[in-house]
């Protein structure tokens, strides 16, 4: 598996934050230059505000470091209707 070095350049790539509200087909999304914990928490707040309070939120997250950071891991404890589901890490080989 290739590793990124400290001098890695993204060459115009972007990060997409997106969620699909299955009940009505609404897509909530935004593009960012980088994937950082602060922006991840801001998007989670946006998702919660855009979802009716009577509905639970089930979010599927991959294993990016921003998703596993302490602020993101603590976020659902303050928002009990939100449930995180993490995809299993990739197995090398």
N, C-alpha and C. Protein backbone atom coordinates (compact mmCIF):
# COMPACT_ATOMS: atom_id res chain seq x y z
N UNK A 1 0.85 -1.17 0.00
CA UNK A 1 0.00 0.00 0.00
C UNK A 1 0.90 1.24 0.00
N UNK A 2 0.59 2.19 -0.87
CA UNK A 2 1.38 3.41 -0.96
C UNK A 2 1.07 4.34 0.21
N UNK A 3 2.07 5.00 0.68
CA UNK A 3 1.92 5.97 1.78
C UNK A 3 2.12 7.37 1.24
N UNK A 4 1.45 8.33 1.84
CA UNK A 4 1.66 9.72 1.48
C UNK A 4 2.75 10.31 2.36
N UNK A 5 3.56 11.14 1.78
CA UNK A 5 4.61 11.80 2.55
C UNK A 5 4.12 13.18 2.97
N UNK A 6 4.88 13.81 3.85
CA UNK A 6 4.50 15.13 4.32
C UNK A 6 4.42 16.17 3.22
N UNK A 7 5.09 15.93 2.09
CA UNK A 7 5.08 16.89 0.99
C UNK A 7 4.10 16.49 -0.11
N UNK A 8 3.16 15.60 0.18
CA UNK A 8 2.16 15.17 -0.78
C UNK A 8 1.33 16.38 -1.24
N UNK A 9 1.08 16.47 -2.53
CA UNK A 9 0.29 17.55 -3.11
C UNK A 9 -0.98 16.94 -3.70
N UNK A 10 -2.11 17.55 -3.45
CA UNK A 10 -3.39 16.98 -3.87
C UNK A 10 -3.72 17.22 -5.34
N UNK A 11 -3.06 18.11 -6.03
CA UNK A 11 -3.25 18.35 -7.46
C UNK A 11 -4.71 18.54 -7.85
N UNK A 12 -5.41 19.36 -7.11
CA UNK A 12 -6.77 19.70 -7.49
C UNK A 12 -7.85 18.75 -7.01
N UNK A 13 -7.51 17.72 -6.27
CA UNK A 13 -8.55 16.83 -5.77
C UNK A 13 -9.35 17.55 -4.69
N UNK A 14 -10.51 17.04 -4.42
CA UNK A 14 -11.39 17.66 -3.44
C UNK A 14 -12.00 16.59 -2.55
N UNK A 15 -12.54 17.01 -1.44
CA UNK A 15 -13.23 16.10 -0.53
C UNK A 15 -14.72 16.38 -0.62
N UNK A 16 -15.50 15.35 -0.80
CA UNK A 16 -16.95 15.48 -0.86
C UNK A 16 -17.55 14.99 0.44
N UNK A 17 -18.27 15.87 1.12
CA UNK A 17 -19.09 15.48 2.27
C UNK A 17 -20.50 15.34 1.71
N UNK A 18 -21.12 14.19 1.89
CA UNK A 18 -22.46 14.03 1.33
C UNK A 18 -23.28 13.06 2.17
N UNK A 19 -24.58 13.31 2.16
CA UNK A 19 -25.52 12.44 2.85
C UNK A 19 -26.79 12.35 2.03
N UNK A 20 -27.39 11.19 2.01
CA UNK A 20 -28.66 10.96 1.32
C UNK A 20 -29.72 10.70 2.36
N UNK A 21 -30.77 11.52 2.36
CA UNK A 21 -31.91 11.29 3.24
C UNK A 21 -32.83 10.35 2.48
N UNK A 22 -32.81 9.09 2.85
CA UNK A 22 -33.48 8.03 2.10
C UNK A 22 -34.99 8.24 2.03
N UNK A 23 -35.61 8.75 3.07
CA UNK A 23 -37.07 8.88 3.09
C UNK A 23 -37.61 9.81 2.01
N UNK A 24 -36.87 10.87 1.67
CA UNK A 24 -37.38 11.80 0.67
C UNK A 24 -36.41 12.06 -0.48
N UNK A 25 -35.26 11.39 -0.49
CA UNK A 25 -34.32 11.50 -1.59
C UNK A 25 -33.49 12.77 -1.59
N UNK A 26 -33.54 13.55 -0.53
CA UNK A 26 -32.76 14.79 -0.47
C UNK A 26 -31.28 14.46 -0.25
N UNK A 27 -30.43 15.10 -1.04
CA UNK A 27 -28.99 14.95 -0.88
C UNK A 27 -28.45 16.24 -0.28
N UNK A 28 -27.70 16.09 0.79
CA UNK A 28 -27.05 17.23 1.44
C UNK A 28 -25.56 17.02 1.22
N UNK A 29 -24.91 17.98 0.61
CA UNK A 29 -23.49 17.79 0.33
C UNK A 29 -22.75 19.09 0.15
N UNK A 30 -21.45 18.98 0.23
CA UNK A 30 -20.55 20.11 -0.01
C UNK A 30 -19.16 19.58 -0.31
N UNK A 31 -18.42 20.35 -1.07
CA UNK A 31 -17.04 20.01 -1.38
C UNK A 31 -16.11 20.90 -0.57
N UNK A 32 -15.03 20.32 -0.12
CA UNK A 32 -14.01 21.03 0.65
C UNK A 32 -12.65 20.69 0.07
N UNK A 33 -11.71 21.57 0.29
CA UNK A 33 -10.34 21.32 -0.19
C UNK A 33 -9.66 20.19 0.57
N UNK A 34 -9.97 20.08 1.85
CA UNK A 34 -9.30 19.07 2.68
C UNK A 34 -10.31 18.42 3.60
N UNK A 35 -9.94 17.29 4.14
CA UNK A 35 -10.82 16.56 5.06
C UNK A 35 -10.25 16.72 6.46
N UNK A 36 -10.83 17.60 7.23
CA UNK A 36 -10.34 17.91 8.57
C UNK A 36 -11.44 17.68 9.59
N UNK A 37 -11.04 17.44 10.83
CA UNK A 37 -11.98 17.18 11.92
C UNK A 37 -12.98 18.32 12.08
N UNK A 38 -12.49 19.55 12.08
CA UNK A 38 -13.37 20.70 12.29
C UNK A 38 -14.46 20.76 11.22
N UNK A 39 -14.10 20.55 9.97
CA UNK A 39 -15.08 20.60 8.88
C UNK A 39 -16.03 19.40 8.96
N UNK A 40 -15.54 18.28 9.41
CA UNK A 40 -16.38 17.10 9.57
C UNK A 40 -17.47 17.37 10.62
N UNK A 41 -17.09 17.95 11.74
CA UNK A 41 -18.05 18.29 12.79
C UNK A 41 -19.04 19.34 12.29
N UNK A 42 -18.57 20.30 11.53
CA UNK A 42 -19.48 21.31 10.97
C UNK A 42 -20.51 20.64 10.05
N UNK A 43 -20.07 19.68 9.25
CA UNK A 43 -21.01 18.99 8.36
C UNK A 43 -22.00 18.15 9.17
N UNK A 44 -21.54 17.49 10.22
CA UNK A 44 -22.45 16.73 11.08
C UNK A 44 -23.52 17.65 11.68
N UNK A 45 -23.12 18.83 12.12
CA UNK A 45 -24.08 19.80 12.64
C UNK A 45 -25.07 20.22 11.58
N UNK A 46 -24.59 20.41 10.37
CA UNK A 46 -25.48 20.77 9.26
C UNK A 46 -26.48 19.66 8.97
N UNK A 47 -26.00 18.41 8.99
CA UNK A 47 -26.90 17.28 8.76
C UNK A 47 -27.99 17.21 9.82
N UNK A 48 -27.60 17.36 11.05
CA UNK A 48 -28.59 17.28 12.11
C UNK A 48 -29.62 18.40 11.99
N UNK A 49 -29.17 19.60 11.68
CA UNK A 49 -30.09 20.73 11.55
C UNK A 49 -31.04 20.54 10.37
N UNK A 50 -30.60 19.84 9.33
CA UNK A 50 -31.41 19.66 8.12
C UNK A 50 -32.36 18.47 8.20
N UNK A 51 -32.30 17.73 9.29
CA UNK A 51 -33.12 16.53 9.43
C UNK A 51 -34.18 16.75 10.50
N UNK A 52 -35.44 16.44 10.19
CA UNK A 52 -36.49 16.61 11.20
C UNK A 52 -36.14 15.88 12.50
N UNK A 53 -36.46 16.50 13.62
CA UNK A 53 -36.05 15.97 14.92
C UNK A 53 -36.66 14.61 15.25
N UNK A 54 -37.74 14.25 14.63
CA UNK A 54 -38.37 12.95 14.93
C UNK A 54 -37.67 11.79 14.23
N UNK A 55 -36.73 12.08 13.34
CA UNK A 55 -36.04 11.05 12.58
C UNK A 55 -34.66 10.75 13.17
N UNK A 56 -34.32 9.47 13.19
CA UNK A 56 -32.96 9.07 13.56
C UNK A 56 -32.05 9.26 12.36
N UNK A 57 -30.79 9.45 12.63
CA UNK A 57 -29.79 9.53 11.57
C UNK A 57 -28.83 8.37 11.73
N UNK A 58 -28.65 7.61 10.67
CA UNK A 58 -27.67 6.53 10.65
C UNK A 58 -26.63 6.90 9.61
N UNK A 59 -25.43 7.18 10.06
CA UNK A 59 -24.36 7.66 9.19
C UNK A 59 -23.32 6.58 9.00
N UNK A 60 -22.97 6.33 7.76
CA UNK A 60 -21.94 5.35 7.43
C UNK A 60 -20.67 6.12 7.13
N UNK A 61 -19.63 5.82 7.91
CA UNK A 61 -18.36 6.53 7.78
C UNK A 61 -17.25 5.55 7.45
N UNK A 62 -16.27 6.01 6.68
CA UNK A 62 -15.10 5.18 6.46
C UNK A 62 -14.11 5.45 7.58
N UNK A 63 -12.91 4.95 7.44
CA UNK A 63 -11.95 5.01 8.54
C UNK A 63 -10.90 6.11 8.38
N UNK A 64 -11.28 7.22 7.80
CA UNK A 64 -10.36 8.36 7.72
C UNK A 64 -10.03 8.85 9.12
N UNK A 65 -8.86 9.42 9.27
CA UNK A 65 -8.45 9.88 10.59
C UNK A 65 -9.40 10.93 11.15
N UNK A 66 -9.98 11.78 10.29
CA UNK A 66 -10.92 12.79 10.78
C UNK A 66 -12.16 12.13 11.39
N UNK A 67 -12.59 11.01 10.85
CA UNK A 67 -13.77 10.32 11.38
C UNK A 67 -13.48 9.63 12.71
N UNK A 68 -12.23 9.33 12.95
CA UNK A 68 -11.84 8.65 14.18
C UNK A 68 -11.24 9.59 15.22
N UNK A 69 -11.29 10.87 14.95
CA UNK A 69 -10.72 11.84 15.90
C UNK A 69 -11.65 11.94 17.12
N UNK A 70 -11.09 12.29 18.27
CA UNK A 70 -11.92 12.40 19.49
C UNK A 70 -13.14 13.32 19.34
N UNK A 71 -13.03 14.52 18.71
CA UNK A 71 -14.23 15.35 18.59
C UNK A 71 -15.36 14.69 17.79
N UNK A 72 -15.00 13.99 16.73
CA UNK A 72 -16.02 13.31 15.91
C UNK A 72 -16.57 12.10 16.66
N UNK A 73 -15.72 11.35 17.33
CA UNK A 73 -16.18 10.19 18.10
C UNK A 73 -17.10 10.60 19.26
N UNK A 74 -16.87 11.78 19.84
CA UNK A 74 -17.73 12.26 20.94
C UNK A 74 -19.03 12.86 20.44
N UNK A 75 -19.08 13.31 19.23
CA UNK A 75 -20.22 14.03 18.69
C UNK A 75 -21.55 13.29 18.89
N UNK A 76 -21.65 11.99 18.61
CA UNK A 76 -22.94 11.32 18.80
C UNK A 76 -23.39 11.23 20.25
N UNK A 77 -22.49 11.33 21.19
CA UNK A 77 -22.92 11.27 22.60
C UNK A 77 -23.74 12.50 22.97
N UNK A 78 -23.51 13.62 22.27
CA UNK A 78 -24.30 14.83 22.49
C UNK A 78 -25.51 14.91 21.56
N UNK A 79 -25.63 13.95 20.65
CA UNK A 79 -26.72 13.91 19.67
C UNK A 79 -27.26 12.47 19.63
N UNK A 80 -28.08 12.09 20.60
CA UNK A 80 -28.47 10.68 20.76
C UNK A 80 -29.27 10.07 19.61
N UNK A 81 -29.83 10.87 18.74
CA UNK A 81 -30.57 10.28 17.62
C UNK A 81 -29.66 9.91 16.45
N UNK A 82 -28.39 10.24 16.60
CA UNK A 82 -27.41 9.96 15.54
C UNK A 82 -26.62 8.70 15.89
N UNK A 83 -26.49 7.83 14.90
CA UNK A 83 -25.78 6.56 15.08
C UNK A 83 -24.71 6.45 13.99
N UNK A 84 -23.48 6.24 14.40
CA UNK A 84 -22.38 6.04 13.46
C UNK A 84 -22.22 4.56 13.18
N UNK A 85 -21.96 4.25 11.92
CA UNK A 85 -21.64 2.89 11.49
C UNK A 85 -20.37 3.00 10.65
N UNK A 86 -19.31 2.36 11.10
CA UNK A 86 -18.03 2.44 10.40
C UNK A 86 -17.85 1.24 9.49
N UNK A 87 -17.39 1.48 8.27
CA UNK A 87 -17.06 0.38 7.37
C UNK A 87 -15.82 -0.31 7.91
N UNK A 88 -15.69 -1.60 7.70
CA UNK A 88 -14.49 -2.28 8.17
C UNK A 88 -13.25 -1.78 7.44
N UNK A 89 -12.11 -1.73 8.13
CA UNK A 89 -10.89 -1.30 7.46
C UNK A 89 -10.51 -2.29 6.35
N UNK A 90 -9.88 -1.76 5.32
CA UNK A 90 -9.44 -2.61 4.22
C UNK A 90 -8.35 -3.56 4.69
N UNK A 91 -8.40 -4.76 4.19
CA UNK A 91 -7.38 -5.76 4.52
C UNK A 91 -6.34 -5.74 3.41
N UNK A 92 -5.08 -5.48 3.75
CA UNK A 92 -4.04 -5.45 2.71
C UNK A 92 -3.87 -6.82 2.05
N UNK A 93 -3.55 -6.78 0.80
CA UNK A 93 -3.23 -8.03 0.14
C UNK A 93 -4.03 -8.23 -1.04
